[in-house]
N, C-alpha and C. Protein backbone atom coordinates (compact mmCIF):
# COMPACT_ATOMS: atom_id res chain seq x y z
N MET A 1 144.72 65.63 112.81
CA MET A 1 145.37 65.39 111.51
C MET A 1 146.89 65.48 111.67
N CYS A 2 147.57 64.43 111.28
CA CYS A 2 149.03 64.40 111.40
C CYS A 2 149.66 65.12 110.21
N THR A 3 150.80 65.69 110.46
CA THR A 3 151.53 66.29 109.35
C THR A 3 152.22 65.20 108.55
N LYS A 4 152.58 65.52 107.32
CA LYS A 4 153.23 64.53 106.46
C LYS A 4 154.55 64.06 107.07
N SER A 5 155.36 64.99 107.53
CA SER A 5 156.67 64.61 108.06
C SER A 5 156.55 63.72 109.29
N TYR A 6 155.56 64.03 110.13
CA TYR A 6 155.35 63.20 111.32
C TYR A 6 154.93 61.79 110.93
N THR A 7 154.08 61.68 109.93
CA THR A 7 153.62 60.37 109.47
C THR A 7 154.77 59.58 108.86
N LEU A 8 155.60 60.24 108.06
CA LEU A 8 156.77 59.58 107.47
C LEU A 8 157.70 59.07 108.56
N LEU A 9 157.83 59.86 109.59
CA LEU A 9 158.66 59.47 110.72
C LEU A 9 158.14 58.19 111.38
N LYS A 10 156.84 58.15 111.60
CA LYS A 10 156.24 56.98 112.23
C LYS A 10 156.39 55.74 111.36
N ILE A 11 156.19 55.89 110.06
CA ILE A 11 156.33 54.75 109.15
C ILE A 11 157.78 54.25 109.16
N SER A 12 158.72 55.17 109.06
CA SER A 12 160.13 54.75 109.03
C SER A 12 160.55 54.09 110.33
N TRP A 13 160.07 54.60 111.47
CA TRP A 13 160.37 53.96 112.74
C TRP A 13 159.82 52.55 112.77
N ARG A 14 158.59 52.40 112.27
CA ARG A 14 157.93 51.11 112.36
C ARG A 14 158.58 50.06 111.46
N ILE A 15 158.99 50.46 110.27
CA ILE A 15 159.55 49.50 109.32
C ILE A 15 161.03 49.26 109.55
N PHE A 16 161.80 50.34 109.61
CA PHE A 16 163.26 50.20 109.66
C PHE A 16 163.84 50.45 111.04
N ASP A 17 162.98 50.88 111.97
CA ASP A 17 163.44 51.21 113.32
C ASP A 17 164.55 52.26 113.30
N LYS A 18 164.39 53.23 112.39
CA LYS A 18 165.36 54.31 112.26
C LYS A 18 164.64 55.62 112.04
N HIS A 19 165.33 56.70 112.35
CA HIS A 19 164.80 58.02 112.06
C HIS A 19 164.79 58.22 110.55
N TYR A 20 163.75 58.88 110.05
CA TYR A 20 163.59 59.04 108.60
C TYR A 20 164.81 59.67 107.93
N THR A 21 165.43 60.64 108.57
CA THR A 21 166.57 61.32 107.96
C THR A 21 167.81 60.43 107.86
N LYS A 22 167.82 59.33 108.60
CA LYS A 22 168.97 58.42 108.55
C LYS A 22 168.81 57.30 107.53
N LEU A 23 167.66 57.24 106.89
CA LEU A 23 167.43 56.21 105.89
C LEU A 23 168.15 56.55 104.59
N ASN A 24 168.50 55.52 103.84
CA ASN A 24 169.07 55.79 102.52
C ASN A 24 167.94 56.05 101.52
N ASP A 25 168.29 56.39 100.29
CA ASP A 25 167.28 56.80 99.31
C ASP A 25 166.27 55.70 99.01
N GLU A 26 166.75 54.49 98.92
CA GLU A 26 165.85 53.38 98.61
C GLU A 26 164.82 53.19 99.72
N GLN A 27 165.27 53.27 100.95
CA GLN A 27 164.36 53.12 102.09
C GLN A 27 163.38 54.28 102.16
N LYS A 28 163.86 55.49 101.86
CA LYS A 28 162.97 56.66 101.87
C LYS A 28 161.87 56.51 100.84
N SER A 29 162.23 56.03 99.65
CA SER A 29 161.20 55.88 98.62
C SER A 29 160.18 54.82 99.01
N LYS A 30 160.63 53.80 99.70
CA LYS A 30 159.71 52.77 100.18
C LYS A 30 158.73 53.35 101.20
N VAL A 31 159.25 54.15 102.11
CA VAL A 31 158.41 54.81 103.11
C VAL A 31 157.40 55.74 102.42
N LEU A 32 157.87 56.48 101.43
CA LEU A 32 156.97 57.38 100.68
C LEU A 32 155.89 56.60 99.95
N ASP A 33 156.26 55.47 99.37
CA ASP A 33 155.26 54.63 98.68
C ASP A 33 154.16 54.21 99.64
N ILE A 34 154.55 53.77 100.80
CA ILE A 34 153.57 53.35 101.81
C ILE A 34 152.71 54.53 102.22
N TYR A 35 153.36 55.67 102.43
CA TYR A 35 152.61 56.88 102.80
C TYR A 35 151.55 57.21 101.76
N TYR A 36 151.93 57.20 100.48
CA TYR A 36 150.98 57.57 99.42
C TYR A 36 149.90 56.51 99.20
N ASP A 37 150.18 55.28 99.57
CA ASP A 37 149.14 54.24 99.50
C ASP A 37 148.01 54.53 100.47
N PHE A 38 148.34 55.13 101.60
CA PHE A 38 147.34 55.34 102.64
C PHE A 38 146.71 56.72 102.63
N TYR A 39 147.42 57.71 102.04
CA TYR A 39 146.91 59.08 102.16
C TYR A 39 146.65 59.72 100.81
């Protein structure tokens, strides 16, 4: 079972090719939306 932060990291790398903490707010919310769609 992956942790939430690790999963967010993987999603952000895959979509934006950036570390999650370097994303702006809009990108973070997009990553969170995808995360909640799947989990």
